Amino acid sequence: MDAAIVHVLKPEVLFTPMVGFRVLLTIGSIALALVLASSIRFYSHTCMQSVNKASEVVEDKIKSECKRVVLILDKSA
């Protein structure tokens, strides 16, 4: 593998159109994969935080409504 990398990185081989295109395509693909992976991880993390926060708010509202119903029923009884 080492010999293949040394051969490809020689200037007379690297600057041929086909090899240069393949090297640029590889570097571009790796960069695109890194950007996609990091953005997916970032947005999925913030999305889960939003869902957790929303569920806490809804849970608090449900608890307060249940307390109101219990108080109303206690007053009626």
PDB file of N, CA and C in Angstrom:
ATOM      1  N   MET A   1       0.828  -1.190   0.000  1.00  0.00           N
ATOM      2  CA  MET A   1       0.000   0.000   0.000  1.00  0.00           C
ATOM      3  C   MET A   1       0.865   1.244   0.000  1.00  0.00           C
ATOM      4  N   ASP A   2       1.948   1.203   0.759  1.00  0.00           N
ATOM      5  CA  ASP A   2       2.840   2.346   0.854  1.00  0.00           C
ATOM      6  C   ASP A   2       3.450   2.680  -0.502  1.00  0.00           C
ATOM      7  N   ALA A   3       3.835   1.646  -1.260  1.00  0.00           N
ATOM      8  CA  ALA A   3       4.434   1.870  -2.576  1.00  0.00           C
ATOM      9  C   ALA A   3       3.419   2.495  -3.535  1.00  0.00           C
ATOM     10  N   ALA A   4       2.169   2.109  -3.435  1.00  0.00           N
ATOM     11  CA  ALA A   4       1.131   2.677  -4.308  1.00  0.00           C
ATOM     12  C   ALA A   4       0.902   4.152  -4.000  1.00  0.00           C
ATOM     13  N   ILE A   5       0.892   4.505  -2.728  1.00  0.00           N
ATOM     14  CA  ILE A   5       0.691   5.901  -2.339  1.00  0.00           C
ATOM     15  C   ILE A   5       1.870   6.755  -2.798  1.00  0.00           C
ATOM     16  N   VAL A   6       3.102   6.248  -2.622  1.00  0.00           N
ATOM     17  CA  VAL A   6       4.287   6.984  -3.060  1.00  0.00           C
ATOM     18  C   VAL A   6       4.247   7.163  -4.573  1.00  0.00           C
ATOM     19  N   HIS A   7       3.831   6.135  -5.304  1.00  0.00           N
ATOM     20  CA  HIS A   7       3.767   6.221  -6.769  1.00  0.00           C
ATOM     21  C   HIS A   7       2.729   7.250  -7.217  1.00  0.00           C
ATOM     22  N   VAL A   8       1.566   7.250  -6.592  1.00  0.00           N
ATOM     23  CA  VAL A   8       0.498   8.175  -6.987  1.00  0.00           C
ATOM     24  C   VAL A   8       0.870   9.619  -6.648  1.00  0.00           C
ATOM     25  N   LEU A   9       1.614   9.839  -5.569  1.00  0.00           N
ATOM     26  CA  LEU A   9       1.953  11.194  -5.159  1.00  0.00           C
ATOM     27  C   LEU A   9       3.152  11.784  -5.899  1.00  0.00           C
ATOM     28  N   LYS A  10       3.762  11.042  -6.795  1.00  0.00           N
ATOM     29  CA  LYS A  10       4.839  11.599  -7.620  1.00  0.00           C
ATOM     30  C   LYS A  10       4.240  12.670  -8.526  1.00  0.00           C
ATOM     31  N   PRO A  11       4.929  13.792  -8.717  1.00  0.00           N
ATOM     32  CA  PRO A  11       4.367  14.882  -9.532  1.00  0.00           C
ATOM     33  C   PRO A  11       4.022  14.483 -10.967  1.00  0.00           C
ATOM     34  N   GLU A  12       4.813  13.618 -11.586  1.00  0.00           N
ATOM     35  CA  GLU A  12       4.513  13.227 -12.977  1.00  0.00           C
ATOM     36  C   GLU A  12       3.271  12.350 -13.077  1.00  0.00           C
ATOM     37  N   VAL A  13       2.894  11.686 -11.994  1.00  0.00           N
ATOM     38  CA  VAL A  13       1.674  10.881 -11.989  1.00  0.00           C
ATOM     39  C   VAL A  13       0.498  11.686 -11.441  1.00  0.00           C
ATOM     40  N   LEU A  14       0.730  12.452 -10.383  1.00  0.00           N
ATOM     41  CA  LEU A  14      -0.339  13.181  -9.714  1.00  0.00           C
ATOM     42  C   LEU A  14      -0.978  14.235 -10.603  1.00  0.00           C
ATOM     43  N   PHE A  15      -0.179  14.874 -11.431  1.00  0.00           N
ATOM     44  CA  PHE A  15      -0.712  15.961 -12.247  1.00  0.00           C
ATOM     45  C   PHE A  15      -1.232  15.520 -13.606  1.00  0.00           C
ATOM     46  N   THR A  16      -1.428  14.228 -13.805  1.00  0.00           N
ATOM     47  CA  THR A  16      -2.137  13.785 -15.005  1.00  0.00           C
ATOM     48  C   THR A  16      -3.618  14.015 -14.766  1.00  0.00           C
ATOM     49  N   PRO A  17      -4.383  14.282 -15.813  1.00  0.00           N
ATOM     50  CA  PRO A  17      -5.800  14.636 -15.610  1.00  0.00           C
ATOM     51  C   PRO A  17      -6.620  13.576 -14.867  1.00  0.00           C
ATOM     52  N   MET A  18      -6.425  12.316 -15.179  1.00  0.00           N
ATOM     53  CA  MET A  18      -7.245  11.271 -14.559  1.00  0.00           C
ATOM     54  C   MET A  18      -6.929  11.118 -13.070  1.00  0.00           C
ATOM     55  N   VAL A  19      -5.661  11.058 -12.716  1.00  0.00           N
ATOM     56  CA  VAL A  19      -5.282  10.880 -11.313  1.00  0.00           C
ATOM     57  C   VAL A  19      -5.630  12.135 -10.517  1.00  0.00           C
ATOM     58  N   GLY A  20      -5.374  13.309 -11.072  1.00  0.00           N
ATOM     59  CA  GLY A  20      -5.722  14.544 -10.390  1.00  0.00           C
ATOM     60  C   GLY A  20      -7.208  14.641 -10.113  1.00  0.00           C
ATOM     61  N   PHE A  21      -8.022  14.245 -11.093  1.00  0.00           N
ATOM     62  CA  PHE A  21      -9.479  14.249 -10.917  1.00  0.00           C
ATOM     63  C   PHE A  21      -9.891  13.295  -9.810  1.00  0.00           C
ATOM     64  N   ARG A  22      -9.297  12.124  -9.791  1.00  0.00           N
ATOM     65  CA  ARG A  22      -9.648  11.135  -8.770  1.00  0.00           C
ATOM     66  C   ARG A  22      -9.238  11.598  -7.367  1.00  0.00           C
ATOM     67  N   VAL A  23      -8.068  12.232  -7.269  1.00  0.00           N
ATOM     68  CA  VAL A  23      -7.615  12.733  -5.966  1.00  0.00           C
ATOM     69  C   VAL A  23      -8.550  13.846  -5.493  1.00  0.00           C
ATOM     70  N   LEU A  24      -8.889  14.788  -6.375  1.00  0.00           N
ATOM     71  CA  LEU A  24      -9.808  15.861  -5.996  1.00  0.00           C
ATOM     72  C   LEU A  24     -11.190  15.315  -5.647  1.00  0.00           C
ATOM     73  N   LEU A  25     -11.644  14.320  -6.391  1.00  0.00           N
ATOM     74  CA  LEU A  25     -12.941  13.707  -6.111  1.00  0.00           C
ATOM     75  C   LEU A  25     -12.927  13.021  -4.746  1.00  0.00           C
ATOM     76  N   THR A  26     -11.846  12.351  -4.417  1.00  0.00           N
ATOM     77  CA  THR A  26     -11.733  11.688  -3.119  1.00  0.00           C
ATOM     78  C   THR A  26     -11.724  12.704  -1.980  1.00  0.00           C
ATOM     79  N   ILE A  27     -10.931  13.760  -2.127  1.00  0.00           N
ATOM     80  CA  ILE A  27     -10.866  14.788  -1.087  1.00  0.00           C
ATOM     81  C   ILE A  27     -12.221  15.475  -0.929  1.00  0.00           C
ATOM     82  N   GLY A  28     -12.884  15.765  -2.038  1.00  0.00           N
ATOM     83  CA  GLY A  28     -14.207  16.393  -1.980  1.00  0.00           C
ATOM     84  C   GLY A  28     -15.242  15.493  -1.328  1.00  0.00           C
ATOM     85  N   SER A  29     -15.184  14.203  -1.631  1.00  0.00           N
ATOM     86  CA  SER A  29     -16.136  13.258  -1.038  1.00  0.00           C
ATOM     87  C   SER A  29     -15.938  13.137   0.473  1.00  0.00           C
ATOM     88  N   ILE A  30     -14.693  13.103   0.900  1.00  0.00           N
ATOM     89  CA  ILE A  30     -14.411  13.019   2.335  1.00  0.00           C
ATOM     90  C   ILE A  30     -14.887  14.284   3.036  1.00  0.00           C
ATOM     91  N   ALA A  31     -14.620  15.449   2.423  1.00  0.00           N
ATOM     92  CA  ALA A  31     -15.060  16.713   3.027  1.00  0.00           C
ATOM     93  C   ALA A  31     -16.585  16.771   3.112  1.00  0.00           C
ATOM     94  N   LEU A  32     -17.273  16.351   2.059  1.00  0.00           N
ATOM     95  CA  LEU A  32     -18.737  16.346   2.072  1.00  0.00           C
ATOM     96  C   LEU A  32     -19.277  15.392   3.135  1.00  0.00           C
ATOM     97  N   ALA A  33     -18.669  14.239   3.277  1.00  0.00           N
ATOM     98  CA  ALA A  33     -19.102  13.282   4.298  1.00  0.00           C
ATOM     99  C   ALA A  33     -18.912  13.850   5.699  1.00  0.00           C
ATOM    100  N   LEU A  34     -17.805  14.552   5.925  1.00  0.00           N
ATOM    101  CA  LEU A  34     -17.573  15.157   7.237  1.00  0.00           C
ATOM    102  C   LEU A  34     -18.597  16.237   7.541  1.00  0.00           C
ATOM    103  N   VAL A  35     -18.909  17.066   6.541  1.00  0.00           N
ATOM    104  CA  VAL A  35     -19.899  18.128   6.744  1.00  0.00           C
ATOM    105  C   VAL A  35     -21.279  17.530   7.017  1.00  0.00           C
ATOM    106  N   LEU A  36     -21.669  16.536   6.248  1.00  0.00           N
ATOM    107  CA  LEU A  36     -22.980  15.909   6.454  1.00  0.00           C
ATOM    108  C   LEU A  36     -23.066  15.226   7.817  1.00  0.00           C
ATOM    109  N   ALA A  37     -22.040  14.495   8.183  1.00  0.00           N
ATOM    110  CA  ALA A  37     -22.071  13.790   9.471  1.00  0.00           C
ATOM    111  C   ALA A  37     -22.141  14.770  10.637  1.00  0.00           C
ATOM    112  N   SER A  38     -21.361  15.825  10.572  1.00  0.00           N
ATOM    113  CA  SER A  38     -21.383  16.774  11.680  1.00  0.00           C
ATOM    114  C   SER A  38     -22.696  17.536  11.747  1.00  0.00           C
ATOM    115  N   SER A  39     -23.261  17.906  10.598  1.00  0.00           N
ATOM    116  CA  SER A  39     -24.533  18.631  10.636  1.00  0.00           C
ATOM    117  C   SER A  39     -25.674  17.729  11.099  1.00  0.00           C
ATOM    118  N   ILE A  40     -25.670  16.478  10.693  1.00  0.00           N
ATOM    119  CA  ILE A  40     -26.718  15.550  11.142  1.00  0.00           C
ATOM    120  C   ILE A  40     -26.609  15.341  12.648  1.00  0.00           C
ATOM    121  N   ARG A  41     -25.400  15.175  13.156  1.00  0.00           N
ATOM    122  CA  ARG A  41     -25.229  14.989  14.596  1.00  0.00           C
ATOM    123  C   ARG A  41     -25.652  16.229  15.370  1.00  0.00           C
ATOM    124  N   PHE A  42     -25.294  17.411  14.861  1.00  0.00           N
ATOM    125  CA  PHE A  42     -25.645  18.645  15.553  1.00  0.00           C
ATOM    126  C   PHE A  42     -27.151  18.844  15.585  1.00  0.00           C
ATOM    127  N   TYR A  43     -27.813  18.711  14.427  1.00  0.00           N
ATOM    128  CA  TYR A  43     -29.247  18.977  14.382  1.00  0.00           C
ATOM    129  C   TYR A  43     -30.064  17.892  15.072  1.00  0.00           C
ATOM    130  N   SER A  44     -29.607  16.649  15.046  1.00  0.00           N
ATOM    131  CA  SER A  44     -30.354  15.616  15.763  1.00  0.00           C
ATOM    132  C   SER A  44     -30.236  15.830  17.264  1.00  0.00           C
ATOM    133  N   HIS A  45     -29.087  16.317  17.720  1.00  0.00           N
ATOM    134  CA  HIS A  45     -28.903  16.587  19.150  1.00  0.00           C
ATOM    135  C   HIS A  45     -29.801  17.742  19.591  1.00  0.00           C
ATOM    136  N   THR A  46     -29.841  18.823  18.817  1.00  0.00           N
ATOM    137  CA  THR A  46     -30.683  19.957  19.196  1.00  0.00           C
ATOM    138  C   THR A  46     -32.156  19.600  19.068  1.00  0.00           C
ATOM    139  N   CYS A  47     -32.489  18.756  18.116  1.00  0.00           N
ATOM    140  CA  CYS A  47     -33.880  18.325  17.963  1.00  0.00           C
ATOM    141  C   CYS A  47     -34.318  17.509  19.171  1.00  0.00           C
ATOM    142  N   MET A  48     -33.463  16.619  19.640  1.00  0.00           N
ATOM    143  CA  MET A  48     -33.810  15.817  20.810  1.00  0.00           C
ATOM    144  C   MET A  48     -33.937  16.691  22.047  1.00  0.00           C
ATOM    145  N   GLN A  49     -33.112  17.719  22.166  1.00  0.00           N
ATOM    146  CA  GLN A  49     -33.243  18.636  23.289  1.00  0.00           C
ATOM    147  C   GLN A  49     -34.578  19.361  23.232  1.00  0.00           C
ATOM    148  N   SER A  50     -35.003  19.765  22.026  1.00  0.00           N
ATOM    149  CA  SER A  50     -36.287  20.452  21.878  1.00  0.00           C
ATOM    150  C   SER A  50     -37.438  19.532  22.244  1.00  0.00           C
ATOM    151  N   VAL A  51     -37.351  18.275  21.813  1.00  0.00           N
ATOM    152  CA  VAL A  51     -38.408  17.317  22.129  1.00  0.00           C
ATOM    153  C   VAL A  51     -38.469  17.083  23.628  1.00  0.00           C
ATOM    154  N   ASN A  52     -37.316  16.921  24.266  1.00  0.00           N
ATOM    155  CA  ASN A  52     -37.297  16.706  25.712  1.00  0.00           C
ATOM    156  C   ASN A  52     -37.857  17.909  26.456  1.00  0.00           C
ATOM    157  N   LYS A  53     -37.482  19.104  26.010  1.00  0.00           N
ATOM    158  CA  LYS A  53     -37.974  20.314  26.663  1.00  0.00           C
ATOM    159  C   LYS A  53     -39.483  20.443  26.474  1.00  0.00           C
ATOM    160  N   ALA A  54     -39.967  20.151  25.266  1.00  0.00           N
ATOM    161  CA  ALA A  54     -41.399  20.234  25.006  1.00  0.00           C
ATOM    162  C   ALA A  54     -42.157  19.206  25.836  1.00  0.00           C
ATOM    163  N   SER A  55     -41.602  18.014  25.976  1.00  0.00           N
ATOM    164  CA  SER A  55     -42.293  16.997  26.764  1.00  0.00           C
ATOM    165  C   SER A  55     -42.350  17.403  28.236  1.00  0.00           C
ATOM    166  N   GLU A  56     -41.307  18.059  28.730  1.00  0.00           N
ATOM    167  CA  GLU A  56     -41.332  18.534  30.113  1.00  0.00           C
ATOM    168  C   GLU A  56     -42.402  19.604  30.305  1.00  0.00           C
ATOM    169  N   VAL A  57     -42.536  20.499  29.342  1.00  0.00           N
ATOM    170  CA  VAL A  57     -43.548  21.551  29.429  1.00  0.00           C
ATOM    171  C   VAL A  57     -44.945  20.940  29.408  1.00  0.00           C
ATOM    172  N   VAL A  58     -45.156  19.999  28.493  1.00  0.00           N
ATOM    173  CA  VAL A  58     -46.468  19.350  28.413  1.00  0.00           C
ATOM    174  C   VAL A  58     -46.743  18.563  29.685  1.00  0.00           C
ATOM    175  N   GLU A  59     -45.737  17.884  30.192  1.00  0.00           N
ATOM    176  CA  GLU A  59     -45.910  17.115  31.429  1.00  0.00           C
ATOM    177  C   GLU A  59     -46.282  18.031  32.590  1.00  0.00           C
ATOM    178  N   ASP A  60     -45.623  19.192  32.678  1.00  0.00           N
ATOM    179  CA  ASP A  60     -45.954  20.143  33.739  1.00  0.00           C
ATOM    180  C   ASP A  60     -47.382  20.657  33.604  1.00  0.00           C
ATOM    181  N   LYS A  61     -47.808  20.914  32.352  1.00  0.00           N
ATOM    182  CA  LYS A  61     -49.183  21.375  32.140  1.00  0.00           C
ATOM    183  C   LYS A  61     -50.185  20.298  32.536  1.00  0.00           C
ATOM    184  N   ILE A  62     -49.902  19.064  32.190  1.00  0.00           N
ATOM    185  CA  ILE A  62     -50.807  17.965  32.543  1.00  0.00           C
ATOM    186  C   ILE A  62     -50.898  17.825  34.061  1.00  0.00           C
ATOM    187  N   LYS A  63     -49.745  17.917  34.735  1.00  0.00           N
ATOM    188  CA  LYS A  63     -49.752  17.810  36.200  1.00  0.00           C
ATOM    189  C   LYS A  63     -50.556  18.946  36.825  1.00  0.00           C
ATOM    190  N   SER A  64     -50.390  20.172  36.310  1.00  0.00           N
ATOM    191  CA  SER A  64     -51.128  21.295  36.893  1.00  0.00           C
ATOM    192  C   SER A  64     -52.625  21.158  36.623  1.00  0.00           C
ATOM    193  N   GLU A  65     -53.003  20.663  35.450  1.00  0.00           N
ATOM    194  CA  GLU A  65     -54.422  20.458  35.148  1.00  0.00           C
ATOM    195  C   GLU A  65     -55.000  19.357  36.033  1.00  0.00           C
ATOM    196  N   CYS A  66     -54.240  18.311  36.260  1.00  0.00           N
ATOM    197  CA  CYS A  66     -54.718  17.234  37.132  1.00  0.00           C
ATOM    198  C   CYS A  66     -54.925  17.752  38.556  1.00  0.00           C
ATOM    199  N   LYS A  67     -54.010  18.609  39.016  1.00  0.00           N
ATOM    200  CA  LYS A  67     -54.160  19.181  40.354  1.00  0.00           C
ATOM    201  C   LYS A  67     -55.417  20.037  40.424  1.00  0.00           C
ATOM    202  N   ARG A  68     -55.696  20.800  39.358  1.00  0.00           N
ATOM    203  CA  ARG A  68     -56.899  21.634  39.347  1.00  0.00           C
ATOM    204  C   ARG A  68     -58.160  20.758  39.396  1.00  0.00           C
ATOM    205  N   VAL A  69     -58.161  19.678  38.634  1.00  0.00           N
ATOM    206  CA  VAL A  69     -59.321  18.780  38.623  1.00  0.00           C
ATOM    207  C   VAL A  69     -59.518  18.154  39.986  1.00  0.00           C
ATOM    208  N   VAL A  70     -58.439  17.750  40.622  1.00  0.00           N
ATOM    209  CA  VAL A  70     -58.526  17.138  41.948  1.00  0.00           C
ATOM    210  C   VAL A  70     -59.067  18.168  42.943  1.00  0.00           C
ATOM    211  N   LEU A  71     -58.594  19.386  42.873  1.00  0.00           N
ATOM    212  CA  LEU A  71     -59.074  20.419  43.782  1.00  0.00           C
ATOM    213  C   LEU A  71     -60.556  20.704  43.565  1.00  0.00           C
ATOM    214  N   ILE A  72     -60.969  20.755  42.298  1.00  0.00           N
ATOM    215  CA  ILE A  72     -62.390  21.003  41.988  1.00  0.00           C
ATOM    216  C   ILE A  72     -63.237  19.848  42.520  1.00  0.00           C
ATOM    217  N   LEU A  73     -62.770  18.614  42.305  1.00  0.00           N
ATOM    218  CA  LEU A  73     -63.540  17.461  42.773  1.00  0.00           C
ATOM    219  C   LEU A  73     -63.578  17.418  44.296  1.00  0.00           C
ATOM    220  N   ASP A  74     -62.496  17.793  44.940  1.00  0.00           N
ATOM    221  CA  ASP A  74     -62.495  17.819  46.417  1.00  0.00           C
ATOM    222  C   ASP A  74     -63.475  18.858  46.963  1.00  0.00           C
ATOM    223  N   LYS A  75     -63.578  20.002  46.304  1.00  0.00           N
ATOM    224  CA  LYS A  75     -64.500  21.023  46.736  1.00  0.00           C
ATOM    225  C   LYS A  75     -65.944  20.586  46.518  1.00  0.00           C
ATOM    226  N   SER A  76     -66.168  19.827  45.461  1.00  0.00           N
ATOM    227  CA  SER A  76     -67.538  19.363  45.151  1.00  0.00           C
ATOM    228  C   SER A  76     -67.977  18.293  46.122  1.00  0.00           C
ATOM    229  N   ALA A  77     -67.068  17.489  46.608  1.00  0.00           N
ATOM    230  CA  ALA A  77     -67.436  16.349  47.465  1.00  0.00           C
ATOM    231  C   ALA A  77     -67.703  16.754  48.862  1.00  0.00           C
TER     232      ALA A  77
END
